[in-house]
Amino acid sequence: STPDTKAAARRPQGVNVDGVVATATVSGIDVSGHQGN
């Protein structure tokens, strides 16, 4: 991943969870004990 690939990933790609062409995304993260508080 690079800044460019990250920007591309945040844009809609392909078919979404409703089975139609994606028009939106929602940003998230995942964490574990390594991130602490």
PDB file of all heavy atoms in Angstrom:
ATOM      1  N   SER A   1       0.823  -1.210   0.000  1.00  0.00           N
ATOM      2  CA  SER A   1       0.000   0.000   0.000  1.00  0.00           C
ATOM      3  C   SER A   1       0.857   1.260   0.000  1.00  0.00           C
ATOM      4  O   SER A   1       1.950   1.303   0.573  1.00  0.00           O
ATOM      5  CB  SER A   1      -0.937   0.010   1.206  1.00  0.00           C
ATOM      6  OG  SER A   1      -0.201   0.024   2.423  1.00  0.00           O
ATOM      7  N   THR A   2       0.353   2.297  -0.670  1.00  0.00           N
ATOM      8  CA  THR A   2       0.981   3.606  -0.756  1.00  0.00           C
ATOM      9  C   THR A   2      -0.107   4.647  -0.558  1.00  0.00           C
ATOM     10  O   THR A   2      -1.299   4.316  -0.530  1.00  0.00           O
ATOM     11  CB  THR A   2       1.615   3.806  -2.143  1.00  0.00           C
ATOM     12  OG1 THR A   2       0.553   3.858  -3.126  1.00  0.00           O
ATOM     13  CG2 THR A   2       2.583   2.682  -2.491  1.00  0.00           C
ATOM     14  N   PRO A   3       0.252   5.919  -0.419  1.00  0.00           N
ATOM     15  CA  PRO A   3      -0.803   6.942  -0.336  1.00  0.00           C
ATOM     16  C   PRO A   3      -1.790   6.874  -1.499  1.00  0.00           C
ATOM     17  O   PRO A   3      -2.995   7.065  -1.311  1.00  0.00           O
ATOM     18  CB  PRO A   3      -0.002   8.247  -0.339  1.00  0.00           C
ATOM     19  CG  PRO A   3       1.294   7.880   0.326  1.00  0.00           C
ATOM     20  CD  PRO A   3       1.586   6.504  -0.163  1.00  0.00           C
ATOM     21  N   ASP A   4      -1.305   6.567  -2.681  1.00  0.00           N
ATOM     22  CA  ASP A   4      -2.199   6.487  -3.840  1.00  0.00           C
ATOM     23  C   ASP A   4      -3.125   5.281  -3.757  1.00  0.00           C
ATOM     24  O   ASP A   4      -4.320   5.374  -4.075  1.00  0.00           O
ATOM     25  CB  ASP A   4      -1.385   6.421  -5.133  1.00  0.00           C
ATOM     26  CG  ASP A   4      -0.737   7.751  -5.493  1.00  0.00           C
ATOM     27  OD1 ASP A   4      -1.187   8.791  -4.955  1.00  0.00           O
ATOM     28  OD2 ASP A   4       0.215   7.751  -6.294  1.00  0.00           O
ATOM     29  N   THR A   5      -2.599   4.125  -3.353  1.00  0.00           N
ATOM     30  CA  THR A   5      -3.456   2.939  -3.271  1.00  0.00           C
ATOM     31  C   THR A   5      -4.489   3.094  -2.155  1.00  0.00           C
ATOM     32  O   THR A   5      -5.621   2.621  -2.274  1.00  0.00           O
ATOM     33  CB  THR A   5      -2.644   1.660  -3.033  1.00  0.00           C
ATOM     34  OG1 THR A   5      -2.031   1.690  -1.736  1.00  0.00           O
ATOM     35  CG2 THR A   5      -1.575   1.490  -4.098  1.00  0.00           C
ATOM     36  N   LYS A   6      -4.093   3.761  -1.075  1.00  0.00           N
ATOM     37  CA  LYS A   6      -5.042   3.986   0.025  1.00  0.00           C
ATOM     38  C   LYS A   6      -6.188   4.886  -0.425  1.00  0.00           C
ATOM     39  O   LYS A   6      -7.354   4.642  -0.095  1.00  0.00           O
ATOM     40  CB  LYS A   6      -4.312   4.595   1.222  1.00  0.00           C
ATOM     41  CG  LYS A   6      -3.303   3.672   1.883  1.00  0.00           C
ATOM     42  CD  LYS A   6      -2.523   4.398   2.968  1.00  0.00           C
ATOM     43  CE  LYS A   6      -1.397   3.545   3.520  1.00  0.00           C
ATOM     44  NZ  LYS A   6      -0.612   4.259   4.560  1.00  0.00           N
ATOM     45  N   ALA A   7      -5.869   5.910  -1.173  1.00  0.00           N
ATOM     46  CA  ALA A   7      -6.914   6.805  -1.686  1.00  0.00           C
ATOM     47  C   ALA A   7      -7.848   6.051  -2.623  1.00  0.00           C
ATOM     48  O   ALA A   7      -9.073   6.231  -2.586  1.00  0.00           O
ATOM     49  CB  ALA A   7      -6.280   7.993  -2.401  1.00  0.00           C
ATOM     50  N   ALA A   8      -7.277   5.191  -3.470  1.00  0.00           N
ATOM     51  CA  ALA A   8      -8.098   4.407  -4.392  1.00  0.00           C
ATOM     52  C   ALA A   8      -9.000   3.438  -3.640  1.00  0.00           C
ATOM     53  O   ALA A   8     -10.160   3.217  -4.022  1.00  0.00           O
ATOM     54  CB  ALA A   8      -7.197   3.649  -5.367  1.00  0.00           C
ATOM     55  N   ALA A   9      -8.488   2.852  -2.572  1.00  0.00           N
ATOM     56  CA  ALA A   9      -9.260   1.872  -1.810  1.00  0.00           C
ATOM     57  C   ALA A   9     -10.479   2.488  -1.130  1.00  0.00           C
ATOM     58  O   ALA A   9     -11.478   1.803  -0.903  1.00  0.00           O
ATOM     59  CB  ALA A   9      -8.362   1.218  -0.764  1.00  0.00           C
ATOM     60  N   ARG A  10     -10.378   3.751  -0.801  1.00  0.00           N
ATOM     61  CA  ARG A  10     -11.500   4.414  -0.135  1.00  0.00           C
ATOM     62  C   ARG A  10     -12.618   4.795  -1.101  1.00  0.00           C
ATOM     63  O   ARG A  10     -13.710   5.173  -0.671  1.00  0.00           O
ATOM     64  CB  ARG A  10     -11.004   5.643   0.629  1.00  0.00           C
ATOM     65  CG  ARG A  10     -10.180   5.290   1.874  1.00  0.00           C
ATOM     66  CD  ARG A  10      -9.890   6.511   2.721  1.00  0.00           C
ATOM     67  NE  ARG A  10      -8.907   7.386   2.111  1.00  0.00           N
ATOM     68  CZ  ARG A  10      -7.593   7.303   2.310  1.00  0.00           C
ATOM     69  NH1 ARG A  10      -7.100   6.367   3.102  1.00  0.00           N
ATOM     70  NH2 ARG A  10      -6.763   8.153   1.727  1.00  0.00           N
ATOM     71  N   ARG A  11     -12.348   4.672  -2.409  1.00  0.00           N
ATOM     72  CA  ARG A  11     -13.386   4.935  -3.404  1.00  0.00           C
ATOM     73  C   ARG A  11     -14.168   3.658  -3.684  1.00  0.00           C
ATOM     74  O   ARG A  11     -13.622   2.558  -3.573  1.00  0.00           O
ATOM     75  CB  ARG A  11     -12.762   5.485  -4.688  1.00  0.00           C
ATOM     76  CG  ARG A  11     -12.096   6.840  -4.524  1.00  0.00           C
ATOM     77  CD  ARG A  11     -11.749   7.459  -5.871  1.00  0.00           C
ATOM     78  NE  ARG A  11     -10.674   6.759  -6.557  1.00  0.00           N
ATOM     79  CZ  ARG A  11      -9.383   7.070  -6.456  1.00  0.00           C
ATOM     80  NH1 ARG A  11      -8.997   8.073  -5.669  1.00  0.00           N
ATOM     81  NH2 ARG A  11      -8.470   6.394  -7.126  1.00  0.00           N
ATOM     82  N   PRO A  12     -15.445   3.763  -4.046  1.00  0.00           N
ATOM     83  CA  PRO A  12     -16.249   2.563  -4.331  1.00  0.00           C
ATOM     84  C   PRO A  12     -15.639   1.726  -5.449  1.00  0.00           C
ATOM     85  O   PRO A  12     -15.106   2.257  -6.419  1.00  0.00           O
ATOM     86  CB  PRO A  12     -17.601   3.148  -4.752  1.00  0.00           C
ATOM     87  CG  PRO A  12     -17.644   4.507  -4.133  1.00  0.00           C
ATOM     88  CD  PRO A  12     -16.230   5.008  -4.159  1.00  0.00           C
ATOM     89  N   GLN A  13     -15.708   0.409  -5.273  1.00  0.00           N
ATOM     90  CA  GLN A  13     -15.184  -0.510  -6.281  1.00  0.00           C
ATOM     91  C   GLN A  13     -16.167  -1.659  -6.478  1.00  0.00           C
ATOM     92  O   GLN A  13     -16.565  -2.313  -5.518  1.00  0.00           O
ATOM     93  CB  GLN A  13     -13.831  -1.085  -5.862  1.00  0.00           C
ATOM     94  CG  GLN A  13     -12.710  -0.073  -5.802  1.00  0.00           C
ATOM     95  CD  GLN A  13     -11.342  -0.749  -5.703  1.00  0.00           C
ATOM     96  OE1 GLN A  13     -11.183  -1.920  -5.997  1.00  0.00           O
ATOM     97  NE2 GLN A  13     -10.335   0.025  -5.300  1.00  0.00           N
ATOM     98  N   GLY A  14     -16.545  -1.909  -7.699  1.00  0.00           N
ATOM     99  CA  GLY A  14     -17.325  -3.089  -8.025  1.00  0.00           C
ATOM    100  C   GLY A  14     -18.719  -3.111  -7.416  1.00  0.00           C
ATOM    101  O   GLY A  14     -19.357  -2.073  -7.224  1.00  0.00           O
ATOM    102  N   VAL A  15     -19.163  -4.323  -7.077  1.00  0.00           N
ATOM    103  CA  VAL A  15     -20.503  -4.553  -6.536  1.00  0.00           C
ATOM    104  C   VAL A  15     -20.467  -4.426  -5.023  1.00  0.00           C
ATOM    105  O   VAL A  15     -19.543  -4.897  -4.364  1.00  0.00           O
ATOM    106  CB  VAL A  15     -21.003  -5.953  -6.949  1.00  0.00           C
ATOM    107  CG1 VAL A  15     -22.356  -6.251  -6.318  1.00  0.00           C
ATOM    108  CG2 VAL A  15     -21.087  -6.050  -8.464  1.00  0.00           C
ATOM    109  N   ASN A  16     -21.508  -3.791  -4.463  1.00  0.00           N
ATOM    110  CA  ASN A  16     -21.529  -3.619  -3.016  1.00  0.00           C
ATOM    111  C   ASN A  16     -22.378  -4.679  -2.333  1.00  0.00           C
ATOM    112  O   ASN A  16     -22.812  -5.651  -2.959  1.00  0.00           O
ATOM    113  CB  ASN A  16     -21.983  -2.199  -2.652  1.00  0.00           C
ATOM    114  CG  ASN A  16     -23.474  -1.961  -2.940  1.00  0.00           C
ATOM    115  OD1 ASN A  16     -24.224  -2.891  -3.253  1.00  0.00           O
ATOM    116  ND2 ASN A  16     -23.894  -0.717  -2.845  1.00  0.00           N
ATOM    117  N   VAL A  17     -22.628  -4.506  -1.030  1.00  0.00           N
ATOM    118  CA  VAL A  17     -23.330  -5.512  -0.238  1.00  0.00           C
ATOM    119  C   VAL A  17     -24.782  -5.683  -0.651  1.00  0.00           C
ATOM    120  O   VAL A  17     -25.423  -6.663  -0.264  1.00  0.00           O
ATOM    121  CB  VAL A  17     -23.248  -5.174   1.268  1.00  0.00           C
ATOM    122  CG1 VAL A  17     -21.817  -5.262   1.753  1.00  0.00           C
ATOM    123  CG2 VAL A  17     -23.831  -3.796   1.549  1.00  0.00           C
ATOM    124  N   ASP A  18     -25.329  -4.760  -1.429  1.00  0.00           N
ATOM    125  CA  ASP A  18     -26.697  -4.887  -1.927  1.00  0.00           C
ATOM    126  C   ASP A  18     -26.750  -5.511  -3.314  1.00  0.00           C
ATOM    127  O   ASP A  18     -27.818  -5.627  -3.919  1.00  0.00           O
ATOM    128  CB  ASP A  18     -27.367  -3.506  -1.967  1.00  0.00           C
ATOM    129  CG  ASP A  18     -27.574  -2.940  -0.570  1.00  0.00           C
ATOM    130  OD1 ASP A  18     -28.015  -3.706   0.306  1.00  0.00           O
ATOM    131  OD2 ASP A  18     -27.278  -1.757  -0.349  1.00  0.00           O
ATOM    132  N   GLY A  19     -25.584  -5.907  -3.836  1.00  0.00           N
ATOM    133  CA  GLY A  19     -25.544  -6.543  -5.133  1.00  0.00           C
ATOM    134  C   GLY A  19     -25.655  -5.598  -6.301  1.00  0.00           C
ATOM    135  O   GLY A  19     -25.933  -6.015  -7.434  1.00  0.00           O
ATOM    136  N   VAL A  20     -25.443  -4.319  -6.062  1.00  0.00           N
ATOM    137  CA  VAL A  20     -25.465  -3.322  -7.130  1.00  0.00           C
ATOM    138  C   VAL A  20     -24.115  -2.617  -7.167  1.00  0.00           C
ATOM    139  O   VAL A  20     -23.299  -2.758  -6.249  1.00  0.00           O
ATOM    140  CB  VAL A  20     -26.601  -2.296  -6.924  1.00  0.00           C
ATOM    141  CG1 VAL A  20     -27.957  -2.990  -6.936  1.00  0.00           C
ATOM    142  CG2 VAL A  20     -26.413  -1.528  -5.609  1.00  0.00           C
ATOM    143  N   VAL A  21     -23.887  -1.840  -8.211  1.00  0.00           N
ATOM    144  CA  VAL A  21     -22.616  -1.130  -8.326  1.00  0.00           C
ATOM    145  C   VAL A  21     -22.440  -0.182  -7.145  1.00  0.00           C
ATOM    146  O   VAL A  21     -23.345   0.607  -6.817  1.00  0.00           O
ATOM    147  CB  VAL A  21     -22.547  -0.364  -9.655  1.00  0.00           C
ATOM    148  CG1 VAL A  21     -21.266   0.467  -9.720  1.00  0.00           C
ATOM    149  CG2 VAL A  21     -22.598  -1.328 -10.838  1.00  0.00           C
ATOM    150  N   ALA A  22     -21.300  -0.274  -6.491  1.00  0.00           N
ATOM    151  CA  ALA A  22     -21.046   0.526  -5.294  1.00  0.00           C
ATOM    152  C   ALA A  22     -20.970   2.009  -5.623  1.00  0.00           C
ATOM    153  O   ALA A  22     -20.392   2.407  -6.637  1.00  0.00           O
ATOM    154  CB  ALA A  22     -19.735   0.076  -4.645  1.00  0.00           C
ATOM    155  N   THR A  23     -21.563   2.827  -4.763  1.00  0.00           N
ATOM    156  CA  THR A  23     -21.499   4.280  -4.922  1.00  0.00           C
ATOM    157  C   THR A  23     -20.970   4.979  -3.678  1.00  0.00           C
ATOM    158  O   THR A  23     -20.791   6.197  -3.686  1.00  0.00           O
ATOM    159  CB  THR A  23     -22.887   4.857  -5.257  1.00  0.00           C
ATOM    160  OG1 THR A  23     -23.799   4.533  -4.195  1.00  0.00           O
ATOM    161  CG2 THR A  23     -23.413   4.296  -6.565  1.00  0.00           C
ATOM    162  N   ALA A  24     -20.727   4.216  -2.599  1.00  0.00           N
ATOM    163  CA  ALA A  24     -20.264   4.832  -1.354  1.00  0.00           C
ATOM    164  C   ALA A  24     -19.481   3.810  -0.546  1.00  0.00           C
ATOM    165  O   ALA A  24     -19.635   2.597  -0.722  1.00  0.00           O
ATOM    166  CB  ALA A  24     -21.448   5.356  -0.539  1.00  0.00           C
ATOM    167  N   THR A  25     -18.620   4.308   0.345  1.00  0.00           N
ATOM    168  CA  THR A  25     -17.898   3.470   1.289  1.00  0.00           C
ATOM    169  C   THR A  25     -17.887   4.168   2.644  1.00  0.00           C
ATOM    170  O   THR A  25     -18.196   5.352   2.758  1.00  0.00           O
ATOM    171  CB  THR A  25     -16.440   3.228   0.848  1.00  0.00           C
ATOM    172  OG1 THR A  25     -15.738   4.480   0.831  1.00  0.00           O
ATOM    173  CG2 THR A  25     -16.371   2.578  -0.524  1.00  0.00           C
ATOM    174  N   VAL A  26     -17.506   3.411   3.676  1.00  0.00           N
ATOM    175  CA  VAL A  26     -17.362   3.955   5.025  1.00  0.00           C
ATOM    176  C   VAL A  26     -15.980   3.565   5.534  1.00  0.00           C
ATOM    177  O   VAL A  26     -15.577   2.398   5.432  1.00  0.00           O
ATOM    178  CB  VAL A  26     -18.443   3.419   5.979  1.00  0.00           C
ATOM    179  CG1 VAL A  26     -18.299   4.053   7.356  1.00  0.00           C
ATOM    180  CG2 VAL A  26     -19.847   3.667   5.420  1.00  0.00           C
ATOM    181  N   SER A  27     -15.253   4.518   6.099  1.00  0.00           N
ATOM    182  CA  SER A  27     -13.888   4.261   6.566  1.00  0.00           C
ATOM    183  C   SER A  27     -13.870   3.710   7.992  1.00  0.00           C
ATOM    184  O   SER A  27     -14.646   4.147   8.852  1.00  0.00           O
ATOM    185  CB  SER A  27     -13.062   5.554   6.525  1.00  0.00           C
ATOM    186  OG  SER A  27     -12.855   5.979   5.200  1.00  0.00           O
ATOM    187  N   GLY A  28     -12.955   2.753   8.225  1.00  0.00           N
ATOM    188  CA  GLY A  28     -12.798   2.177   9.555  1.00  0.00           C
ATOM    189  C   GLY A  28     -11.370   1.756   9.817  1.00  0.00           C
ATOM    190  O   GLY A  28     -10.499   1.832   8.939  1.00  0.00           O
ATOM    191  N   ILE A  29     -11.122   1.298  11.026  1.00  0.00           N
ATOM    192  CA  ILE A  29      -9.826   0.746  11.413  1.00  0.00           C
ATOM    193  C   ILE A  29     -10.055  -0.495  12.258  1.00  0.00           C
ATOM    194  O   ILE A  29     -11.164  -0.728  12.755  1.00  0.00           O
ATOM    195  CB  ILE A  29      -8.950   1.750  12.199  1.00  0.00           C
ATOM    196  CG1 ILE A  29      -9.633   2.161  13.507  1.00  0.00           C
ATOM    197  CG2 ILE A  29      -8.619   2.974  11.362  1.00  0.00           C
ATOM    198  CD1 ILE A  29      -8.745   2.989  14.432  1.00  0.00           C
ATOM    199  N   ASP A  30      -9.020  -1.298  12.424  1.00  0.00           N
ATOM    200  CA  ASP A  30      -9.053  -2.375  13.415  1.00  0.00           C
ATOM    201  C   ASP A  30      -7.817  -2.286  14.288  1.00  0.00           C
ATOM    202  O   ASP A  30      -6.752  -1.867  13.835  1.00  0.00           O
ATOM    203  CB  ASP A  30      -9.186  -3.749  12.751  1.00  0.00           C
ATOM    204  CG  ASP A  30      -8.027  -4.095  11.822  1.00  0.00           C
ATOM    205  OD1 ASP A  30      -7.026  -4.659  12.312  1.00  0.00           O
ATOM    206  OD2 ASP A  30      -8.124  -3.811  10.614  1.00  0.00           O
ATOM    207  N   VAL A  31      -7.984  -2.646  15.560  1.00  0.00           N
ATOM    208  CA  VAL A  31      -6.911  -2.509  16.544  1.00  0.00           C
ATOM    209  C   VAL A  31      -6.830  -3.770  17.406  1.00  0.00           C
ATOM    210  O   VAL A  31      -7.774  -4.563  17.462  1.00  0.00           O
ATOM    211  CB  VAL A  31      -7.126  -1.268  17.448  1.00  0.00           C
ATOM    212  CG1 VAL A  31      -7.100   0.012  16.641  1.00  0.00           C
ATOM    213  CG2 VAL A  31      -8.431  -1.383  18.232  1.00  0.00           C
ATOM    214  N   SER A  32      -5.705  -3.907  18.081  1.00  0.00           N
ATOM    215  CA  SER A  32      -5.489  -5.019  19.009  1.00  0.00           C
ATOM    216  C   SER A  32      -4.752  -4.482  20.225  1.00  0.00           C
ATOM    217  O   SER A  32      -4.599  -3.272  20.396  1.00  0.00           O
ATOM    218  CB  SER A  32      -4.678  -6.121  18.330  1.00  0.00           C
ATOM    219  OG  SER A  32      -3.328  -5.714  18.157  1.00  0.00           O
ATOM    220  N   GLY A  33      -4.250  -5.383  21.042  1.00  0.00           N
ATOM    221  CA  GLY A  33      -3.505  -4.961  22.220  1.00  0.00           C
ATOM    222  C   GLY A  33      -2.262  -4.166  21.886  1.00  0.00           C
ATOM    223  O   GLY A  33      -1.771  -3.387  22.712  1.00  0.00           O
ATOM    224  N   HIS A  34      -1.747  -4.306  20.675  1.00  0.00           N
ATOM    225  CA  HIS A  34      -0.533  -3.589  20.281  1.00  0.00           C
ATOM    226  C   HIS A  34      -0.758  -2.072  20.214  1.00  0.00           C
ATOM    227  O   HIS A  34       0.209  -1.310  20.308  1.00  0.00           O
ATOM    228  CB  HIS A  34      -0.038  -4.095  18.923  1.00  0.00           C
ATOM    229  CG  HIS A  34       0.492  -5.489  18.967  1.00  0.00           C
ATOM    230  ND1 HIS A  34       1.753  -5.800  19.445  1.00  0.00           N
ATOM    231  CD2 HIS A  34      -0.078  -6.673  18.625  1.00  0.00           C
ATOM    232  CE1 HIS A  34       1.939  -7.105  19.374  1.00  0.00           C
ATOM    233  NE2 HIS A  34       0.855  -7.656  18.881  1.00  0.00           N
ATOM    234  N   GLN A  35      -1.990  -1.641  20.064  1.00  0.00           N
ATOM    235  CA  GLN A  35      -2.260  -0.196  20.005  1.00  0.00           C
ATOM    236  C   GLN A  35      -2.475   0.409  21.392  1.00  0.00           C
ATOM    237  O   GLN A  35      -2.525   1.634  21.524  1.00  0.00           O
ATOM    238  CB  GLN A  35      -3.498   0.083  19.136  1.00  0.00           C
ATOM    239  CG  GLN A  35      -3.211   0.097  17.640  1.00  0.00           C
ATOM    240  CD  GLN A  35      -2.860  -1.271  17.109  1.00  0.00           C
ATOM    241  OE1 GLN A  35      -3.574  -2.242  17.326  1.00  0.00           O
ATOM    242  NE2 GLN A  35      -1.743  -1.361  16.385  1.00  0.00           N
ATOM    243  N   GLY A  36      -2.602  -0.408  22.418  1.00  0.00           N
ATOM    244  CA  GLY A  36      -2.798   0.119  23.766  1.00  0.00           C
ATOM    245  C   GLY A  36      -4.066   0.941  23.862  1.00  0.00           C
ATOM    246  O   GLY A  36      -5.073   0.670  23.196  1.00  0.00           O
ATOM    247  N   ASN A  37      -4.047   1.950  24.706  1.00  0.00           N
ATOM    248  CA  ASN A  37      -5.194   2.845  24.835  1.00  0.00           C
ATOM    249  C   ASN A  37      -5.261   3.755  23.611  1.00  0.00           C
ATOM    250  O   ASN A  37      -4.314   4.466  23.307  1.00  0.00           O
ATOM    251  CB  ASN A  37      -5.085   3.681  26.111  1.00  0.00           C
ATOM    252  CG  ASN A  37      -5.244   2.840  27.362  1.00  0.00           C
ATOM    253  OD1 ASN A  37      -6.041   1.911  27.401  1.00  0.00           O
ATOM    254  ND2 ASN A  37      -4.473   3.156  28.402  1.00  0.00           N
TER     255      ASN A  37
END
